[in-house]
């Protein structure tokens, strides 16, 4: 099994674990999920591939899958083609298998995708990147034999990038992606281009065993060939967020477990009816199972986009009632913070009254 096919399978396992439903459309950016497209069809998922490789696009079309051609390094054109290919259907998930290792500006692509995903039920996205710190890569570098498998990029403006765990996670965090789950691909030996064919470096030898021990003592991930992470749009970390003098007036924290949808709907309706829209809603799903979380997302998506795009859903596991509020406060961007329970209702002028009080006595 090649690393790329294994990464695609790991990504698909994550989507199944997340609770993707038959009929949901998986958007495959750069065709990384092509090896498992038939399996997705067997599971009842829709498939839309969008990338810049005409040969892979033609092969997918021959196999009966919808495709569009677009360069992932151009986020605006990419999103236009995704919207065109969806033909009005809501996307169920987005997959970028190996894509971040090959685009010109991964940060720009991630930031733009996050803004797009926020308006679509906090769309789940699976990212995978190759691990630069696999023990075989270390051995290849040590013996001056490292040579990536495959052809070099045809575009001289691109360079294939390998990531260590910390820089990859930092890139996701600073562009506003929260990791919700992981299913890293673990193999003793990656693709041939990254493996060491040297008996002296076999783990059974003193030198090979010492190299493996040194790598393992430096941190986890020595046998991970591909990091596979399911993420959801959230707030960028402070390193990526400068001062915001024009920040929203109010952030409303609303805790739910997804079990009382009727009362949650009424609470959200009272917020959607506010006479002032200078606020956001941080909807904290506390210990919600995948089915309940999906129901909450569907409920939010039923509201008018002008309100739905101001509702951000985050997940918190464990703790008592205070923990989801404390965690939610970390993602708030408003100058003021208010908390509500899912069975609380507010009058239509509630936010306006708070604005007037703040103007009269700031702070």
Protein backbone atom coordinates (compact mmCIF):
# COMPACT_ATOMS: atom_id res chain seq x y z
CA UNK A 1 0.00 0.00 0.00
CA UNK A 2 1.46 3.36 -1.00
CA UNK A 3 1.56 6.21 1.49
CA UNK A 4 -0.88 8.29 -0.54
CA UNK A 5 -3.46 5.51 -0.78
CA UNK A 6 -3.01 4.75 2.90
CA UNK A 7 -3.51 8.42 3.78
CA UNK A 8 -6.71 8.49 1.72
CA UNK A 9 -8.02 5.44 3.57
CA UNK A 10 -7.14 7.01 6.91
CA UNK A 11 -8.96 10.19 5.87
CA UNK A 12 -12.04 8.18 4.86
CA UNK A 13 -11.99 6.34 8.19
CA UNK A 14 -12.02 9.72 9.95
CA UNK A 15 -15.03 10.86 7.94
CA UNK A 16 -16.90 7.66 8.79
CA UNK A 17 -16.02 8.10 12.45
CA UNK A 18 -17.16 11.70 12.32
CA UNK A 19 -20.61 10.58 11.24
CA UNK A 20 -20.82 11.56 7.57
CA UNK A 21 -24.16 10.41 6.21
CA UNK A 22 -25.09 8.72 2.91
CA UNK A 23 -25.75 11.42 0.35
CA UNK A 24 -23.24 13.87 1.84
CA UNK A 25 -20.84 15.19 -0.80
CA UNK A 26 -17.10 14.90 -0.12
CA UNK A 27 -15.09 17.57 -1.95
CA UNK A 28 -11.64 16.21 -2.79
CA UNK A 29 -9.12 19.01 -3.35
CA UNK A 30 -6.21 17.98 -5.64
CA UNK A 31 -7.61 14.46 -6.17
CA UNK A 32 -5.88 12.92 -3.14
CA UNK A 33 -8.96 10.80 -2.39
CA UNK A 34 -9.08 9.34 -5.91
CA UNK A 35 -7.75 5.92 -4.77
CA UNK A 36 -10.77 5.43 -2.49
CA UNK A 37 -13.45 7.08 -4.65
CA UNK A 38 -15.18 3.76 -5.34
CA UNK A 39 -15.23 2.95 -1.64
CA UNK A 40 -16.90 6.30 -0.95
CA UNK A 41 -19.52 5.48 -3.55
CA UNK A 42 -20.16 2.12 -1.85
CA UNK A 43 -20.73 3.99 1.42
CA UNK A 44 -23.26 6.25 -0.28
CA UNK A 45 -21.17 9.43 -0.22
CA UNK A 46 -21.18 11.85 -3.12
CA UNK A 47 -17.80 12.76 -4.63
CA UNK A 48 -16.51 15.93 -6.29
CA UNK A 49 -12.84 16.12 -7.24
CA UNK A 50 -11.28 19.52 -7.91
CA UNK A 51 -7.61 19.77 -8.89
CA UNK A 52 -5.16 20.74 -11.60
CA UNK A 53 -4.08 17.34 -12.96
CA UNK A 54 -5.96 16.73 -16.25
CA UNK A 55 -4.93 13.07 -16.38
CA UNK A 56 -6.32 12.25 -12.93
CA UNK A 57 -9.43 14.29 -13.67
CA UNK A 58 -10.02 12.32 -16.87
CA UNK A 59 -9.46 9.02 -15.07
CA UNK A 60 -11.98 9.93 -12.37
CA UNK A 61 -14.49 11.01 -15.01
CA UNK A 62 -14.02 7.66 -16.79
CA UNK A 63 -14.80 5.94 -13.48
CA UNK A 64 -18.02 7.93 -13.20
CA UNK A 65 -17.05 10.68 -10.76
CA UNK A 66 -17.64 14.43 -11.06
CA UNK A 67 -14.54 16.60 -11.41
CA UNK A 68 -13.50 20.19 -12.02
CA UNK A 69 -10.11 21.60 -13.00
CA UNK A 70 -8.62 24.32 -10.78
CA UNK A 71 -5.23 25.11 -9.27
CA UNK A 72 -5.35 24.66 -5.46
CA UNK A 73 -2.73 27.42 -5.19
CA UNK A 74 -5.43 29.86 -6.39
CA UNK A 75 -8.04 29.72 -3.58
CA UNK A 76 -10.61 31.98 -5.25
CA UNK A 77 -10.70 30.01 -8.50
CA UNK A 78 -10.67 26.78 -6.51
CA UNK A 79 -13.75 27.82 -4.52
CA UNK A 80 -15.54 28.99 -7.66
CA UNK A 81 -15.06 25.56 -9.22
CA UNK A 82 -16.14 23.82 -6.01
CA UNK A 83 -19.35 25.87 -5.90
CA UNK A 84 -19.95 25.18 -9.59
CA UNK A 85 -19.42 21.45 -9.14
CA UNK A 86 -21.70 21.26 -6.11
CA UNK A 87 -24.58 22.68 -8.18
CA UNK A 88 -26.34 24.02 -5.12
CA UNK A 89 -25.82 20.95 -2.94
CA UNK A 90 -24.35 21.53 0.54
CA UNK A 91 -20.89 20.01 0.97
CA UNK A 92 -20.58 17.33 3.64
CA UNK A 93 -16.80 17.47 4.07
CA UNK A 94 -13.60 18.67 2.42
CA UNK A 95 -10.44 16.57 2.00
CA UNK A 96 -6.92 17.81 1.26
CA UNK A 97 -4.75 14.69 1.08
CA UNK A 98 -1.16 15.84 0.65
CA UNK A 99 -2.33 19.14 -0.85
CA UNK A 100 -0.68 21.43 1.70
CA UNK A 101 2.72 19.94 0.84
CA UNK A 102 2.45 21.08 -2.78
CA UNK A 103 0.65 24.44 -2.96
CA UNK A 104 2.58 27.70 -3.19
CA UNK A 105 1.10 29.29 -0.07
CA UNK A 106 -0.45 26.80 2.37
CA UNK A 107 -1.31 29.55 4.86
CA UNK A 108 -3.28 31.59 2.33
CA UNK A 109 -5.20 28.51 1.19
CA UNK A 110 -6.00 27.47 4.76
CA UNK A 111 -7.19 30.94 5.77
CA UNK A 112 -9.47 31.27 2.76
CA UNK A 113 -10.91 27.77 3.19
CA UNK A 114 -11.59 28.48 6.85
CA UNK A 115 -13.65 31.57 6.03
CA UNK A 116 -15.57 29.58 3.42
CA UNK A 117 -16.16 26.59 5.71
CA UNK A 118 -17.43 28.80 8.55
CA UNK A 119 -20.49 29.72 6.50
CA UNK A 120 -21.28 26.08 5.72
CA UNK A 121 -22.29 24.47 9.00
CA UNK A 122 -18.72 24.62 10.32
CA UNK A 123 -17.73 22.18 7.55
CA UNK A 124 -15.35 19.40 8.69
CA UNK A 125 -12.09 19.22 6.74
CA UNK A 126 -9.48 16.46 6.69
CA UNK A 127 -5.87 17.53 6.10
CA UNK A 128 -2.96 15.14 5.57
CA UNK A 129 0.74 15.93 5.19
CA UNK A 130 3.84 13.77 5.01
CA UNK A 131 5.92 13.47 8.18
CA UNK A 132 9.47 14.76 7.81
CA UNK A 133 10.55 13.07 11.05
CA UNK A 134 9.77 9.40 10.29
CA UNK A 135 12.74 7.32 11.41
CA UNK A 136 13.41 6.18 7.81
CA UNK A 137 13.60 9.80 6.64
CA UNK A 138 16.08 10.46 9.45
CA UNK A 139 18.15 7.49 8.30
CA UNK A 140 18.02 8.59 4.67
CA UNK A 141 19.23 12.06 5.60
CA UNK A 142 21.95 10.64 7.83
CA UNK A 143 23.35 8.54 4.98
CA UNK A 144 22.85 11.25 2.33
CA UNK A 145 20.41 9.02 0.44
CA UNK A 146 17.17 10.94 0.80
CA UNK A 147 15.31 11.29 -2.47
CA UNK A 148 11.54 11.88 -2.54
CA UNK A 149 9.60 9.40 -4.61
CA UNK A 150 7.77 10.58 -7.69
CA UNK A 151 8.39 13.31 -10.23
CA UNK A 152 9.46 16.81 -9.22
CA UNK A 153 6.82 19.54 -9.49
CA UNK A 154 6.41 20.77 -13.06
CA UNK A 155 5.82 24.28 -11.71
CA UNK A 156 9.16 25.76 -10.63
CA UNK A 157 7.27 28.01 -8.22
CA UNK A 158 6.33 25.00 -6.12
CA UNK A 159 8.35 22.85 -3.79
CA UNK A 160 7.17 19.72 -2.03
CA UNK A 161 7.16 20.38 1.71
CA UNK A 162 7.39 17.82 4.49
CA UNK A 163 6.16 18.75 7.96
CA UNK A 164 7.00 17.83 11.52
CA UNK A 165 4.05 17.54 13.89
CA UNK A 166 4.55 20.84 15.74
CA UNK A 167 4.89 23.10 12.66
CA UNK A 168 1.90 21.40 11.01
CA UNK A 169 -0.30 21.85 14.08
CA UNK A 170 0.91 25.44 14.45
CA UNK A 171 0.02 26.18 10.81
CA UNK A 172 -3.49 24.85 11.36
CA UNK A 173 -3.95 26.81 14.59
CA UNK A 174 -2.69 30.13 13.26
CA UNK A 175 -5.00 29.93 10.25
CA UNK A 176 -8.05 29.24 12.39
CA UNK A 177 -8.47 25.46 12.30
CA UNK A 178 -9.31 23.45 15.41
CA UNK A 179 -8.33 19.79 15.46
CA UNK A 180 -11.28 17.57 16.35
CA UNK A 181 -9.85 14.10 15.65
CA UNK A 182 -6.84 12.34 14.19
CA UNK A 183 -6.02 9.08 12.45
CA UNK A 184 -2.32 9.32 11.60
CA UNK A 185 -1.01 6.72 9.16
CA UNK A 186 1.60 4.53 10.84
CA UNK A 187 3.95 2.38 8.74
CA UNK A 188 7.33 0.93 9.62
CA UNK A 189 8.58 1.84 6.14
CA UNK A 190 7.10 4.56 3.90
CA UNK A 191 7.30 4.70 0.11
CA UNK A 192 10.58 3.40 -1.38
CA UNK A 193 11.93 6.89 -2.03
CA UNK A 194 11.93 7.60 1.71
CA UNK A 195 13.16 4.22 2.95
CA UNK A 196 16.70 3.26 3.85
CA UNK A 197 18.04 0.21 2.03
CA UNK A 198 21.13 -0.20 4.21
CA UNK A 199 21.66 -3.31 6.37
CA UNK A 200 23.71 -1.25 8.82
CA UNK A 201 20.64 0.86 9.64
CA UNK A 202 18.27 -2.05 10.17
CA UNK A 203 16.62 -1.68 13.61
CA UNK A 204 18.06 -5.11 14.55
CA UNK A 205 21.64 -3.78 14.29
CA UNK A 206 23.31 -1.74 17.06
CA UNK A 207 23.51 1.37 14.86
CA UNK A 208 19.96 1.05 13.55
CA UNK A 209 18.60 0.34 17.00
CA UNK A 210 20.44 3.35 18.43
CA UNK A 211 19.09 5.60 15.67
CA UNK A 212 15.54 4.41 16.37
CA UNK A 213 15.96 4.99 20.11
CA UNK A 214 17.32 8.50 19.57
CA UNK A 215 14.40 9.33 17.28
CA UNK A 216 11.83 7.90 19.69
CA UNK A 217 13.33 9.76 22.65
CA UNK A 218 12.92 13.05 20.77
CA UNK A 219 9.13 12.71 20.70
CA UNK A 220 6.25 10.68 19.26
CA UNK A 221 5.65 10.13 15.57
CA UNK A 222 8.74 8.18 14.59
CA UNK A 223 6.62 5.62 12.71
CA UNK A 224 4.01 8.07 11.42
CA UNK A 225 4.39 8.56 7.67
CA UNK A 226 1.39 10.85 7.22
CA UNK A 227 -0.37 13.13 9.71
CA UNK A 228 -4.14 12.77 9.16
CA UNK A 229 -6.24 15.32 11.04
CA UNK A 230 -9.95 16.19 11.00
CA UNK A 231 -10.43 19.89 11.69
CA UNK A 232 -13.23 22.39 12.01
CA UNK A 233 -13.13 26.15 11.47
CA UNK A 234 -12.52 28.10 14.65
CA UNK A 235 -10.59 31.13 15.81
CA UNK A 236 -7.03 31.88 14.77
CA UNK A 237 -4.49 31.79 17.59
CA UNK A 238 -3.22 35.14 18.95
CA UNK A 239 -0.07 34.79 16.86
CA UNK A 240 -2.24 35.32 13.78
CA UNK A 241 -4.67 37.81 15.26
CA UNK A 242 -3.55 41.36 15.75
CA UNK A 243 -5.45 44.06 17.61
CA UNK A 244 -9.05 44.34 16.52
CA UNK A 245 -10.33 47.84 17.24
CA UNK A 246 -13.42 47.08 15.15
CA UNK A 247 -14.21 43.88 17.05
CA UNK A 248 -17.79 42.80 17.54
CA UNK A 249 -19.58 44.30 20.50
CA UNK A 250 -20.72 41.02 22.06
CA UNK A 251 -19.91 37.32 22.10
CA UNK A 252 -22.73 35.12 23.37
CA UNK A 253 -21.69 31.75 24.81
CA UNK A 254 -24.39 29.11 24.51
CA UNK A 255 -23.81 25.60 25.87
CA UNK A 256 -25.62 22.58 24.45
CA UNK A 257 -25.35 18.82 24.41
CA UNK A 258 -27.58 18.54 21.36
CA UNK A 259 -30.30 16.69 23.26
CA UNK A 260 -32.91 19.46 23.49
CA UNK A 261 -33.10 20.75 19.95
CA UNK A 262 -36.51 22.37 20.38
CA UNK A 263 -35.37 24.60 23.25
CA UNK A 264 -32.06 25.30 21.50
CA UNK A 265 -33.97 26.36 18.39
CA UNK A 266 -36.07 28.79 20.44
CA UNK A 267 -32.97 30.27 22.07
CA UNK A 268 -31.33 30.77 18.67
CA UNK A 269 -34.54 32.25 17.26
CA UNK A 270 -34.56 34.86 20.03
CA UNK A 271 -30.98 35.78 19.13
CA UNK A 272 -31.69 35.83 15.40
CA UNK A 273 -34.48 38.35 16.06
CA UNK A 274 -32.21 40.92 17.74
CA UNK A 275 -32.53 44.51 16.57
CA UNK A 276 -28.72 44.77 16.60
CA UNK A 277 -26.53 42.24 14.83
CA UNK A 278 -23.23 43.41 16.37
CA UNK A 279 -22.68 40.07 18.08
CA UNK A 280 -21.62 36.48 17.49
CA UNK A 281 -22.79 33.22 19.02
CA UNK A 282 -20.24 30.70 20.29
CA UNK A 283 -22.27 27.50 20.39
CA UNK A 284 -20.39 25.07 22.63
CA UNK A 285 -21.22 21.40 22.04
CA UNK A 286 -20.36 19.82 25.39
CA UNK A 287 -19.81 16.06 25.32
CA UNK A 288 -22.12 15.80 22.31
CA UNK A 289 -22.01 12.53 20.37
CA UNK A 290 -21.50 12.70 16.58
CA UNK A 291 -25.20 12.30 15.84
CA UNK A 292 -26.21 15.09 18.22
CA UNK A 293 -23.47 17.34 16.86
CA UNK A 294 -24.70 16.77 13.32
CA UNK A 295 -28.26 17.62 14.40
CA UNK A 296 -27.04 20.90 15.91
CA UNK A 297 -25.18 21.76 12.70
CA UNK A 298 -28.30 21.04 10.66
CA UNK A 299 -30.37 23.24 12.97
CA UNK A 300 -27.97 26.18 12.60
CA UNK A 301 -27.89 25.74 8.82
CA UNK A 302 -31.67 26.20 8.69
CA UNK A 303 -31.37 29.82 9.82
CA UNK A 304 -30.92 32.73 7.44
CA UNK A 305 -27.26 32.92 6.31
CA UNK A 306 -26.91 36.41 7.79
CA UNK A 307 -27.41 34.89 11.24
CA UNK A 308 -25.97 31.41 10.63
CA UNK A 309 -22.61 32.84 9.56
CA UNK A 310 -22.32 34.50 12.98
CA UNK A 311 -22.79 31.20 14.82
CA UNK A 312 -19.58 29.29 15.50
CA UNK A 313 -19.81 25.71 16.76
CA UNK A 314 -16.97 24.37 18.88
CA UNK A 315 -16.62 21.07 20.72
CA UNK A 316 -15.54 20.50 24.31
CA UNK A 317 -15.06 17.13 25.97
CA UNK A 318 -15.15 16.44 29.70
CA UNK A 319 -15.41 18.69 32.71
CA UNK A 320 -18.43 20.17 34.45
CA UNK A 321 -20.65 23.05 33.32
CA UNK A 322 -17.90 25.65 33.77
CA UNK A 323 -15.46 24.03 31.37
CA UNK A 324 -17.41 24.58 28.13
CA UNK A 325 -17.91 28.24 29.05
CA UNK A 326 -14.22 28.72 29.85
CA UNK A 327 -13.20 27.01 26.62
CA UNK A 328 -15.76 28.96 24.61
CA UNK A 329 -14.46 32.24 26.01
CA UNK A 330 -11.07 31.50 24.44
CA UNK A 331 -12.63 31.77 20.99
CA UNK A 332 -14.74 34.85 21.61
CA UNK A 333 -13.88 37.95 19.58
CA UNK A 334 -16.41 40.37 21.10
CA UNK A 335 -15.47 43.22 23.44
CA UNK A 336 -18.06 41.95 25.91
CA UNK A 337 -19.08 38.43 26.85
CA UNK A 338 -22.51 37.05 27.81
CA UNK A 339 -23.57 33.51 28.68
CA UNK A 340 -26.93 31.85 28.06
CA UNK A 341 -28.33 28.38 28.60
CA UNK A 342 -30.04 26.64 25.71
CA UNK A 343 -33.42 27.16 27.39
CA UNK A 344 -32.93 30.93 27.86
CA UNK A 345 -34.93 33.37 25.75
CA UNK A 346 -34.05 37.06 25.33
CA UNK A 347 -36.13 40.01 24.16
CA UNK A 348 -35.45 41.41 20.69
CA UNK A 349 -33.80 44.54 22.14
CA UNK A 350 -31.50 42.63 24.53
CA UNK A 351 -28.27 43.32 22.63
CA UNK A 352 -29.32 46.92 21.95
CA UNK A 353 -29.92 47.47 25.69
CA UNK A 354 -26.47 46.09 26.48
CA UNK A 355 -24.92 48.42 23.89
CA UNK A 356 -26.61 51.41 25.52
CA UNK A 357 -25.46 50.35 28.98
CA UNK A 358 -21.89 49.89 27.72
CA UNK A 359 -21.95 53.32 26.07
CA UNK A 360 -23.12 54.92 29.32
CA UNK A 361 -20.58 53.08 31.48
CA UNK A 362 -17.81 51.53 29.34
CA UNK A 363 -16.05 48.51 30.77
